[in-house]
Amino acid sequence: MEKKILGLLLGFLAGIIDLIPMLIQKLTWDANLSALSLWIISGFLIAVSNLKMKGFIKGVVISFLVLIPALFLIGWNEPFSLLPIIVMTLLLGSILGFLIERWGK
């Protein structure tokens, strides 16, 4: 499968995985859409990036770079919610980078 399409599809899947606990917590739709778009964009950027690093590291780096603006907004009002967000970004970003690197052409 073409790497760009794979990045978008896997990014969407990562977004759905990230949304599950958010929907259970009944978070607002702006937060849900923000998380979903973060993963779709991260998947695409990981797929088209030519950074010279292993796939899982590239996934983590790009995912955190995309997340940084939201971290300021979230952390300003709810600093304790940053820990689960950082853990989820670390996990999903590394998995996303690994799978895109492995399955992409």
PDB file of N, CA and C in Angstrom:
ATOM      1  N   MET A   1       0.843  -1.180   0.000  1.00  0.00           N
ATOM      2  CA  MET A   1       0.000   0.000   0.000  1.00  0.00           C
ATOM      3  C   MET A   1       0.884   1.237   0.000  1.00  0.00           C
ATOM      4  N   GLU A   2       0.443   2.272  -0.699  1.00  0.00           N
ATOM      5  CA  GLU A   2       1.210   3.507  -0.739  1.00  0.00           C
ATOM      6  C   GLU A   2       1.347   4.082   0.668  1.00  0.00           C
ATOM      7  N   LYS A   3       2.536   4.571   0.971  1.00  0.00           N
ATOM      8  CA  LYS A   3       2.863   5.004   2.320  1.00  0.00           C
ATOM      9  C   LYS A   3       1.955   6.134   2.820  1.00  0.00           C
ATOM     10  N   LYS A   4       1.605   7.084   1.948  1.00  0.00           N
ATOM     11  CA  LYS A   4       0.757   8.201   2.375  1.00  0.00           C
ATOM     12  C   LYS A   4      -0.629   7.716   2.796  1.00  0.00           C
ATOM     13  N   ILE A   5      -1.202   6.829   2.007  1.00  0.00           N
ATOM     14  CA  ILE A   5      -2.529   6.286   2.319  1.00  0.00           C
ATOM     15  C   ILE A   5      -2.456   5.461   3.597  1.00  0.00           C
ATOM     16  N   LEU A   6      -1.411   4.653   3.725  1.00  0.00           N
ATOM     17  CA  LEU A   6      -1.227   3.852   4.930  1.00  0.00           C
ATOM     18  C   LEU A   6      -1.116   4.750   6.163  1.00  0.00           C
ATOM     19  N   GLY A   7      -0.359   5.841   6.042  1.00  0.00           N
ATOM     20  CA  GLY A   7      -0.216   6.780   7.160  1.00  0.00           C
ATOM     21  C   GLY A   7      -1.552   7.379   7.569  1.00  0.00           C
ATOM     22  N   LEU A   8      -2.362   7.761   6.593  1.00  0.00           N
ATOM     23  CA  LEU A   8      -3.685   8.320   6.903  1.00  0.00           C
ATOM     24  C   LEU A   8      -4.589   7.278   7.558  1.00  0.00           C
ATOM     25  N   LEU A   9      -4.595   6.055   7.019  1.00  0.00           N
ATOM     26  CA  LEU A   9      -5.448   4.998   7.572  1.00  0.00           C
ATOM     27  C   LEU A   9      -5.013   4.597   8.983  1.00  0.00           C
ATOM     28  N   LEU A  10      -3.724   4.386   9.168  1.00  0.00           N
ATOM     29  CA  LEU A  10      -3.240   4.017  10.495  1.00  0.00           C
ATOM     30  C   LEU A  10      -3.386   5.178  11.478  1.00  0.00           C
ATOM     31  N   GLY A  11      -3.236   6.395  10.992  1.00  0.00           N
ATOM     32  CA  GLY A  11      -3.460   7.565  11.841  1.00  0.00           C
ATOM     33  C   GLY A  11      -4.907   7.645  12.294  1.00  0.00           C
ATOM     34  N   PHE A  12      -5.834   7.346  11.376  1.00  0.00           N
ATOM     35  CA  PHE A  12      -7.252   7.322  11.728  1.00  0.00           C
ATOM     36  C   PHE A  12      -7.519   6.229  12.765  1.00  0.00           C
ATOM     37  N   LEU A  13      -6.916   5.058  12.574  1.00  0.00           N
ATOM     38  CA  LEU A  13      -7.082   3.966  13.534  1.00  0.00           C
ATOM     39  C   LEU A  13      -6.521   4.345  14.908  1.00  0.00           C
ATOM     40  N   ALA A  14      -5.356   4.971  14.930  1.00  0.00           N
ATOM     41  CA  ALA A  14      -4.778   5.432  16.199  1.00  0.00           C
ATOM     42  C   ALA A  14      -5.694   6.465  16.855  1.00  0.00           C
ATOM     43  N   GLY A  15      -6.297   7.333  16.043  1.00  0.00           N
ATOM     44  CA  GLY A  15      -7.238   8.319  16.568  1.00  0.00           C
ATOM     45  C   GLY A  15      -8.452   7.662  17.206  1.00  0.00           C
ATOM     46  N   ILE A  16      -8.964   6.611  16.582  1.00  0.00           N
ATOM     47  CA  ILE A  16     -10.111   5.885  17.140  1.00  0.00           C
ATOM     48  C   ILE A  16      -9.716   5.241  18.471  1.00  0.00           C
ATOM     49  N   ILE A  17      -8.533   4.646  18.527  1.00  0.00           N
ATOM     50  CA  ILE A  17      -8.048   4.041  19.772  1.00  0.00           C
ATOM     51  C   ILE A  17      -7.930   5.103  20.861  1.00  0.00           C
ATOM     52  N   ASP A  18      -7.424   6.271  20.509  1.00  0.00           N
ATOM     53  CA  ASP A  18      -7.277   7.359  21.474  1.00  0.00           C
ATOM     54  C   ASP A  18      -8.641   7.905  21.916  1.00  0.00           C
ATOM     55  N   LEU A  19      -9.616   7.838  21.040  1.00  0.00           N
ATOM     56  CA  LEU A  19     -10.947   8.377  21.352  1.00  0.00           C
ATOM     57  C   LEU A  19     -11.730   7.515  22.341  1.00  0.00           C
ATOM     58  N   ILE A  20     -11.475   6.231  22.377  1.00  0.00           N
ATOM     59  CA  ILE A  20     -12.279   5.329  23.212  1.00  0.00           C
ATOM     60  C   ILE A  20     -12.314   5.778  24.673  1.00  0.00           C
ATOM     61  N   PRO A  21     -11.160   5.998  25.338  1.00  0.00           N
ATOM     62  CA  PRO A  21     -11.253   6.462  26.729  1.00  0.00           C
ATOM     63  C   PRO A  21     -11.839   7.875  26.847  1.00  0.00           C
ATOM     64  N   MET A  22     -11.648   8.682  25.818  1.00  0.00           N
ATOM     65  CA  MET A  22     -12.190  10.040  25.853  1.00  0.00           C
ATOM     66  C   MET A  22     -13.713  10.022  25.779  1.00  0.00           C
ATOM     67  N   LEU A  23     -14.260   9.128  24.971  1.00  0.00           N
ATOM     68  CA  LEU A  23     -15.717   9.004  24.874  1.00  0.00           C
ATOM     69  C   LEU A  23     -16.298   8.436  26.169  1.00  0.00           C
ATOM     70  N   ILE A  24     -15.588   7.517  26.786  1.00  0.00           N
ATOM     71  CA  ILE A  24     -16.042   6.954  28.066  1.00  0.00           C
ATOM     72  C   ILE A  24     -16.092   8.048  29.142  1.00  0.00           C
ATOM     73  N   GLN A  25     -15.118   8.960  29.107  1.00  0.00           N
ATOM     74  CA  GLN A  25     -15.077  10.064  30.062  1.00  0.00           C
ATOM     75  C   GLN A  25     -16.058  11.183  29.717  1.00  0.00           C
ATOM     76  N   LYS A  26     -16.705  11.050  28.547  1.00  0.00           N
ATOM     77  CA  LYS A  26     -17.654  12.056  28.060  1.00  0.00           C
ATOM     78  C   LYS A  26     -17.002  13.439  27.926  1.00  0.00           C
ATOM     79  N   LEU A  27     -15.812  13.454  27.314  1.00  0.00           N
ATOM     80  CA  LEU A  27     -15.146  14.722  27.054  1.00  0.00           C
ATOM     81  C   LEU A  27     -15.858  15.457  25.923  1.00  0.00           C
ATOM     82  N   THR A  28     -15.569  16.720  25.782  1.00  0.00           N
ATOM     83  CA  THR A  28     -16.254  17.546  24.778  1.00  0.00           C
ATOM     84  C   THR A  28     -15.826  17.149  23.371  1.00  0.00           C
ATOM     85  N   TRP A  29     -16.675  17.487  22.405  1.00  0.00           N
ATOM     86  CA  TRP A  29     -16.393  17.116  21.019  1.00  0.00           C
ATOM     87  C   TRP A  29     -15.195  17.851  20.452  1.00  0.00           C
ATOM     88  N   ASP A  30     -14.921  19.054  20.951  1.00  0.00           N
ATOM     89  CA  ASP A  30     -13.728  19.742  20.454  1.00  0.00           C
ATOM     90  C   ASP A  30     -12.464  18.988  20.864  1.00  0.00           C
ATOM     91  N   ALA A  31     -12.452  18.424  22.063  1.00  0.00           N
ATOM     92  CA  ALA A  31     -11.309  17.620  22.501  1.00  0.00           C
ATOM     93  C   ALA A  31     -11.210  16.331  21.688  1.00  0.00           C
ATOM     94  N   ASN A  32     -12.359  15.701  21.434  1.00  0.00           N
ATOM     95  CA  ASN A  32     -12.365  14.462  20.651  1.00  0.00           C
ATOM     96  C   ASN A  32     -11.880  14.696  19.224  1.00  0.00           C
ATOM     97  N   LEU A  33     -12.375  15.732  18.588  1.00  0.00           N
ATOM     98  CA  LEU A  33     -11.960  16.037  17.215  1.00  0.00           C
ATOM     99  C   LEU A  33     -10.499  16.464  17.153  1.00  0.00           C
ATOM    100  N   SER A  34     -10.040  17.148  18.179  1.00  0.00           N
ATOM    101  CA  SER A  34      -8.635  17.542  18.244  1.00  0.00           C
ATOM    102  C   SER A  34      -7.732  16.309  18.301  1.00  0.00           C
ATOM    103  N   ALA A  35      -8.096  15.336  19.136  1.00  0.00           N
ATOM    104  CA  ALA A  35      -7.292  14.114  19.253  1.00  0.00           C
ATOM    105  C   ALA A  35      -7.313  13.314  17.959  1.00  0.00           C
ATOM    106  N   LEU A  36      -8.479  13.184  17.356  1.00  0.00           N
ATOM    107  CA  LEU A  36      -8.582  12.438  16.102  1.00  0.00           C
ATOM    108  C   LEU A  36      -7.748  13.100  15.009  1.00  0.00           C
ATOM    109  N   SER A  37      -7.844  14.406  14.889  1.00  0.00           N
ATOM    110  CA  SER A  37      -7.076  15.097  13.850  1.00  0.00           C
ATOM    111  C   SER A  37      -5.580  15.030  14.128  1.00  0.00           C
ATOM    112  N   LEU A  38      -5.179  15.051  15.394  1.00  0.00           N
ATOM    113  CA  LEU A  38      -3.758  14.926  15.731  1.00  0.00           C
ATOM    114  C   LEU A  38      -3.197  13.631  15.170  1.00  0.00           C
ATOM    115  N   TRP A  39      -3.937  12.538  15.312  1.00  0.00           N
ATOM    116  CA  TRP A  39      -3.424  11.245  14.866  1.00  0.00           C
ATOM    117  C   TRP A  39      -3.464  11.086  13.358  1.00  0.00           C
ATOM    118  N   ILE A  40      -4.476  11.629  12.717  1.00  0.00           N
ATOM    119  CA  ILE A  40      -4.513  11.564  11.254  1.00  0.00           C
ATOM    120  C   ILE A  40      -3.354  12.366  10.671  1.00  0.00           C
ATOM    121  N   ILE A  41      -3.129  13.557  11.195  1.00  0.00           N
ATOM    122  CA  ILE A  41      -2.023  14.399  10.714  1.00  0.00           C
ATOM    123  C   ILE A  41      -0.676  13.758  11.042  1.00  0.00           C
ATOM    124  N   SER A  42      -0.542  13.210  12.243  1.00  0.00           N
ATOM    125  CA  SER A  42       0.713  12.539  12.618  1.00  0.00           C
ATOM    126  C   SER A  42       1.006  11.366  11.695  1.00  0.00           C
ATOM    127  N   GLY A  43      -0.008  10.556  11.411  1.00  0.00           N
ATOM    128  CA  GLY A  43       0.186   9.426  10.509  1.00  0.00           C
ATOM    129  C   GLY A  43       0.666   9.865   9.144  1.00  0.00           C
ATOM    130  N   PHE A  44       0.056  10.924   8.616  1.00  0.00           N
ATOM    131  CA  PHE A  44       0.459  11.437   7.311  1.00  0.00           C
ATOM    132  C   PHE A  44       1.895  11.961   7.355  1.00  0.00           C
ATOM    133  N   LEU A  45       2.221  12.761   8.379  1.00  0.00           N
ATOM    134  CA  LEU A  45       3.565  13.339   8.469  1.00  0.00           C
ATOM    135  C   LEU A  45       4.641  12.271   8.672  1.00  0.00           C
ATOM    136  N   ILE A  46       4.324  11.243   9.441  1.00  0.00           N
ATOM    137  CA  ILE A  46       5.283  10.145   9.617  1.00  0.00           C
ATOM    138  C   ILE A  46       5.529   9.460   8.277  1.00  0.00           C
ATOM    139  N   ALA A  47       4.469   9.266   7.514  1.00  0.00           N
ATOM    140  CA  ALA A  47       4.586   8.571   6.228  1.00  0.00           C
ATOM    141  C   ALA A  47       5.388   9.361   5.207  1.00  0.00           C
ATOM    142  N   VAL A  48       5.254  10.679   5.175  1.00  0.00           N
ATOM    143  CA  VAL A  48       5.935  11.468   4.150  1.00  0.00           C
ATOM    144  C   VAL A  48       7.287  12.012   4.610  1.00  0.00           C
ATOM    145  N   SER A  49       7.597  11.864   5.891  1.00  0.00           N
ATOM    146  CA  SER A  49       8.852  12.380   6.418  1.00  0.00           C
ATOM    147  C   SER A  49      10.023  11.505   5.976  1.00  0.00           C
ATOM    148  N   ASN A  50      11.139  12.151   5.700  1.00  0.00           N
ATOM    149  CA  ASN A  50      12.345  11.391   5.363  1.00  0.00           C
ATOM    150  C   ASN A  50      13.431  11.590   6.421  1.00  0.00           C
ATOM    151  N   LEU A  51      13.002  11.795   7.661  1.00  0.00           N
ATOM    152  CA  LEU A  51      13.951  11.888   8.762  1.00  0.00           C
ATOM    153  C   LEU A  51      14.720  10.585   8.871  1.00  0.00           C
ATOM    154  N   LYS A  52      15.999  10.679   9.106  1.00  0.00           N
ATOM    155  CA  LYS A  52      16.854   9.496   9.182  1.00  0.00           C
ATOM    156  C   LYS A  52      16.882   8.958  10.608  1.00  0.00           C
ATOM    157  N   MET A  53      15.807   8.283  10.993  1.00  0.00           N
ATOM    158  CA  MET A  53      15.737   7.637  12.295  1.00  0.00           C
ATOM    159  C   MET A  53      14.823   6.434  12.185  1.00  0.00           C
ATOM    160  N   LYS A  54      14.907   5.545  13.149  1.00  0.00           N
ATOM    161  CA  LYS A  54      14.068   4.355  13.129  1.00  0.00           C
ATOM    162  C   LYS A  54      12.603   4.745  13.165  1.00  0.00           C
ATOM    163  N   GLY A  55      11.752   3.893  12.604  1.00  0.00           N
ATOM    164  CA  GLY A  55      10.334   4.192  12.471  1.00  0.00           C
ATOM    165  C   GLY A  55       9.644   4.553  13.766  1.00  0.00           C
ATOM    166  N   PHE A  56       9.892   3.770  14.824  1.00  0.00           N
ATOM    167  CA  PHE A  56       9.186   4.050  16.067  1.00  0.00           C
ATOM    168  C   PHE A  56       9.654   5.355  16.707  1.00  0.00           C
ATOM    169  N   ILE A  57      10.922   5.696  16.545  1.00  0.00           N
ATOM    170  CA  ILE A  57      11.423   6.966  17.087  1.00  0.00           C
ATOM    171  C   ILE A  57      10.856   8.127  16.276  1.00  0.00           C
ATOM    172  N   LYS A  58      10.820   7.979  14.956  1.00  0.00           N
ATOM    173  CA  LYS A  58      10.238   9.010  14.106  1.00  0.00           C
ATOM    174  C   LYS A  58       8.777   9.237  14.475  1.00  0.00           C
ATOM    175  N   GLY A  59       8.049   8.157  14.752  1.00  0.00           N
ATOM    176  CA  GLY A  59       6.653   8.265  15.151  1.00  0.00           C
ATOM    177  C   GLY A  59       6.481   9.051  16.438  1.00  0.00           C
ATOM    178  N   VAL A  60       7.332   8.788  17.404  1.00  0.00           N
ATOM    179  CA  VAL A  60       7.256   9.505  18.687  1.00  0.00           C
ATOM    180  C   VAL A  60       7.594  10.978  18.493  1.00  0.00           C
ATOM    181  N   VAL A  61       8.678  11.256  17.775  1.00  0.00           N
ATOM    182  CA  VAL A  61       9.112  12.646  17.579  1.00  0.00           C
ATOM    183  C   VAL A  61       8.034  13.455  16.857  1.00  0.00           C
ATOM    184  N   ILE A  62       7.526  12.951  15.764  1.00  0.00           N
ATOM    185  CA  ILE A  62       6.527  13.695  14.997  1.00  0.00           C
ATOM    186  C   ILE A  62       5.231  13.840  15.778  1.00  0.00           C
ATOM    187  N   SER A  63       4.807  12.794  16.469  1.00  0.00           N
ATOM    188  CA  SER A  63       3.568  12.870  17.251  1.00  0.00           C
ATOM    189  C   SER A  63       3.678  13.923  18.352  1.00  0.00           C
ATOM    190  N   PHE A  64       4.820  13.980  19.027  1.00  0.00           N
ATOM    191  CA  PHE A  64       4.990  14.996  20.070  1.00  0.00           C
ATOM    192  C   PHE A  64       5.102  16.403  19.488  1.00  0.00           C
ATOM    193  N   LEU A  65       5.726  16.536  18.331  1.00  0.00           N
ATOM    194  CA  LEU A  65       5.797  17.860  17.703  1.00  0.00           C
ATOM    195  C   LEU A  65       4.399  18.371  17.334  1.00  0.00           C
ATOM    196  N   VAL A  66       3.551  17.475  16.864  1.00  0.00           N
ATOM    197  CA  VAL A  66       2.178  17.861  16.530  1.00  0.00           C
ATOM    198  C   VAL A  66       1.385  18.166  17.803  1.00  0.00           C
ATOM    199  N   LEU A  67       1.699  17.475  18.892  1.00  0.00           N
ATOM    200  CA  LEU A  67       0.966  17.634  20.147  1.00  0.00           C
ATOM    201  C   LEU A  67       1.336  18.895  20.927  1.00  0.00           C
ATOM    202  N   ILE A  68       2.529  19.425  20.738  1.00  0.00           N
ATOM    203  CA  ILE A  68       3.036  20.524  21.577  1.00  0.00           C
ATOM    204  C   ILE A  68       2.049  21.688  21.739  1.00  0.00           C
ATOM    205  N   PRO A  69       1.438  22.225  20.679  1.00  0.00           N
ATOM    206  CA  PRO A  69       0.516  23.352  20.899  1.00  0.00           C
ATOM    207  C   PRO A  69      -0.656  22.993  21.821  1.00  0.00           C
ATOM    208  N   ALA A  70      -1.172  21.785  21.679  1.00  0.00           N
ATOM    209  CA  ALA A  70      -2.290  21.361  22.535  1.00  0.00           C
ATOM    210  C   ALA A  70      -1.831  21.165  23.978  1.00  0.00           C
ATOM    211  N   LEU A  71      -0.592  20.754  24.183  1.00  0.00           N
ATOM    212  CA  LEU A  71      -0.090  20.571  25.544  1.00  0.00           C
ATOM    213  C   LEU A  71      -0.155  21.866  26.342  1.00  0.00           C
ATOM    214  N   PHE A  72       0.160  22.975  25.701  1.00  0.00           N
ATOM    215  CA  PHE A  72       0.078  24.263  26.402  1.00  0.00           C
ATOM    216  C   PHE A  72      -1.355  24.580  26.798  1.00  0.00           C
ATOM    217  N   LEU A  73      -2.280  24.372  25.880  1.00  0.00           N
ATOM    218  CA  LEU A  73      -3.684  24.671  26.163  1.00  0.00           C
ATOM    219  C   LEU A  73      -4.246  23.752  27.247  1.00  0.00           C
ATOM    220  N   ILE A  74      -3.950  22.479  27.154  1.00  0.00           N
ATOM    221  CA  ILE A  74      -4.463  21.513  28.125  1.00  0.00           C
ATOM    222  C   ILE A  74      -3.805  21.717  29.484  1.00  0.00           C
ATOM    223  N   GLY A  75      -2.491  21.843  29.499  1.00  0.00           N
ATOM    224  CA  GLY A  75      -1.742  21.950  30.743  1.00  0.00           C
ATOM    225  C   GLY A  75      -2.025  23.224  31.517  1.00  0.00           C
ATOM    226  N   TRP A  76      -2.438  24.256  30.831  1.00  0.00           N
ATOM    227  CA  TRP A  76      -2.709  25.524  31.505  1.00  0.00           C
ATOM    228  C   TRP A  76      -3.861  25.369  32.493  1.00  0.00           C
ATOM    229  N   ASN A  77      -4.910  24.656  32.090  1.00  0.00           N
ATOM    230  CA  ASN A  77      -6.091  24.505  32.937  1.00  0.00           C
ATOM    231  C   ASN A  77      -6.122  23.186  33.703  1.00  0.00           C
ATOM    232  N   GLU A  78      -5.571  22.123  33.128  1.00  0.00           N
ATOM    233  CA  GLU A  78      -5.632  20.801  33.741  1.00  0.00           C
ATOM    234  C   GLU A  78      -4.274  20.106  33.663  1.00  0.00           C
ATOM    235  N   PRO A  79      -3.315  20.539  34.453  1.00  0.00           N
ATOM    236  CA  PRO A  79      -1.969  19.969  34.331  1.00  0.00           C
ATOM    237  C   PRO A  79      -1.898  18.474  34.638  1.00  0.00           C
ATOM    238  N   PHE A  80      -2.813  17.958  35.473  1.00  0.00           N
ATOM    239  CA  PHE A  80      -2.767  16.535  35.814  1.00  0.00           C
ATOM    240  C   PHE A  80      -3.215  15.644  34.658  1.00  0.00           C
ATOM    241  N   SER A  81      -3.919  16.205  33.693  1.00  0.00           N
ATOM    242  CA  SER A  81      -4.351  15.406  32.545  1.00  0.00           C
ATOM    243  C   SER A  81      -3.235  15.240  31.510  1.00  0.00           C
ATOM    244  N   LEU A  82      -2.111  15.909  31.711  1.00  0.00           N
ATOM    245  CA  LEU A  82      -1.007  15.792  30.754  1.00  0.00           C
ATOM    246  C   LEU A  82      -0.355  14.414  30.786  1.00  0.00           C
ATOM    247  N   LEU A  83      -0.291  13.785  31.943  1.00  0.00           N
ATOM    248  CA  LEU A  83       0.383  12.490  32.045  1.00  0.00           C
ATOM    249  C   LEU A  83      -0.256  11.425  31.157  1.00  0.00           C
ATOM    250  N   PRO A  84      -1.578  11.194  31.225  1.00  0.00           N
ATOM    251  CA  PRO A  84      -2.144  10.185  30.325  1.00  0.00           C
ATOM    252  C   PRO A  84      -2.021  10.558  28.849  1.00  0.00           C
ATOM    253  N   ILE A  85      -2.055  11.837  28.544  1.00  0.00           N
ATOM    254  CA  ILE A  85      -1.903  12.278  27.152  1.00  0.00           C
ATOM    255  C   ILE A  85      -0.492  11.970  26.658  1.00  0.00           C
ATOM    256  N   ILE A  86       0.500  12.237  27.485  1.00  0.00           N
ATOM    257  CA  ILE A  86       1.890  11.976  27.108  1.00  0.00           C
ATOM    258  C   ILE A  86       2.131  10.470  26.947  1.00  0.00           C
ATOM    259  N   VAL A  87       1.579   9.673  27.853  1.00  0.00           N
ATOM    260  CA  VAL A  87       1.749   8.215  27.758  1.00  0.00           C
ATOM    261  C   VAL A  87       1.096   7.685  26.485  1.00  0.00           C
ATOM    262  N   MET A  88      -0.127   8.136  26.200  1.00  0.00           N
ATOM    263  CA  MET A  88      -0.834   7.669  24.998  1.00  0.00           C
ATOM    264  C   MET A  88      -0.085   8.110  23.734  1.00  0.00           C
ATOM    265  N   THR A  89       0.461   9.302  23.733  1.00  0.00           N
ATOM    266  CA  THR A  89       1.220   9.784  22.574  1.00  0.00           C
ATOM    267  C   THR A  89       2.490   8.969  22.389  1.00  0.00           C
ATOM    268  N   LEU A  90       3.146   8.642  23.473  1.00  0.00           N
ATOM    269  CA  LEU A  90       4.351   7.817  23.395  1.00  0.00           C
ATOM    270  C   LEU A  90       4.030   6.433  22.817  1.00  0.00           C
ATOM    271  N   LEU A  91       2.972   5.815  23.322  1.00  0.00           N
ATOM    272  CA  LEU A  91       2.604   4.474  22.855  1.00  0.00           C
ATOM    273  C   LEU A  91       2.107   4.483  21.412  1.00  0.00           C
ATOM    274  N   LEU A  92       1.100   5.298  21.140  1.00  0.00           N
ATOM    275  CA  LEU A  92       0.525   5.308  19.789  1.00  0.00           C
ATOM    276  C   LEU A  92       1.513   5.845  18.754  1.00  0.00           C
ATOM    277  N   GLY A  93       2.297   6.842  19.115  1.00  0.00           N
ATOM    278  CA  GLY A  93       3.284   7.385  18.183  1.00  0.00           C
ATOM    279  C   GLY A  93       4.334   6.358  17.788  1.00  0.00           C
ATOM    280  N   SER A  94       4.820   5.595  18.771  1.00  0.00           N
ATOM    281  CA  SER A  94       5.834   4.581  18.448  1.00  0.00           C
ATOM    282  C   SER A  94       5.238   3.452  17.609  1.00  0.00           C
ATOM    283  N   ILE A  95       4.031   3.027  17.941  1.00  0.00           N
ATOM    284  CA  ILE A  95       3.379   1.967  17.160  1.00  0.00           C
ATOM    285  C   ILE A  95       3.103   2.451  15.736  1.00  0.00           C
ATOM    286  N   LEU A  96       2.601   3.668  15.621  1.00  0.00           N
ATOM    287  CA  LEU A  96       2.293   4.238  14.310  1.00  0.00           C
ATOM    288  C   LEU A  96       3.558   4.333  13.453  1.00  0.00           C
ATOM    289  N   GLY A  97       4.638   4.855  14.019  1.00  0.00           N
ATOM    290  CA  GLY A  97       5.895   4.953  13.276  1.00  0.00           C
ATOM    291  C   GLY A  97       6.423   3.601  12.854  1.00  0.00           C
ATOM    292  N   PHE A  98       6.353   2.629  13.747  1.00  0.00           N
ATOM    293  CA  PHE A  98       6.834   1.275  13.443  1.00  0.00           C
ATOM    294  C   PHE A  98       6.035   0.651  12.302  1.00  0.00           C
ATOM    295  N   LEU A  99       4.694   0.719  12.404  1.00  0.00           N
ATOM    296  CA  LEU A  99       3.852   0.072  11.389  1.00  0.00           C
ATOM    297  C   LEU A  99       3.949   0.758  10.028  1.00  0.00           C
ATOM    298  N   ILE A 100       4.019   2.071  10.013  1.00  0.00           N
ATOM    299  CA  ILE A 100       4.143   2.785   8.730  1.00  0.00           C
ATOM    300  C   ILE A 100       5.473   2.439   8.081  1.00  0.00           C
ATOM    301  N   GLU A 101       6.531   2.383   8.862  1.00  0.00           N
ATOM    302  CA  GLU A 101       7.841   2.048   8.313  1.00  0.00           C
ATOM    303  C   GLU A 101       7.870   0.604   7.809  1.00  0.00           C
ATOM    304  N   ARG A 102       7.208  -0.275   8.513  1.00  0.00           N
ATOM    305  CA  ARG A 102       7.236  -1.692   8.163  1.00  0.00           C
ATOM    306  C   ARG A 102       6.359  -2.027   6.975  1.00  0.00           C
ATOM    307  N   TRP A 103       5.162  -1.454   6.913  1.00  0.00           N
ATOM    308  CA  TRP A 103       4.185  -1.822   5.877  1.00  0.00           C
ATOM    309  C   TRP A 103       4.172  -0.884   4.686  1.00  0.00           C
ATOM    310  N   GLY A 104       4.737   0.303   4.823  1.00  0.00           N
ATOM    311  CA  GLY A 104       4.688   1.285   3.724  1.00  0.00           C
ATOM    312  C   GLY A 104       5.685   0.992   2.625  1.00  0.00           C
ATOM    313  N   LYS A 105       5.318   1.388   1.415  1.00  0.00           N
ATOM    314  CA  LYS A 105       6.198   1.189   0.252  1.00  0.00           C
ATOM    315  C   LYS A 105       6.794   2.504  -0.169  1.00  0.00           C
TER     316      LYS A 105
END
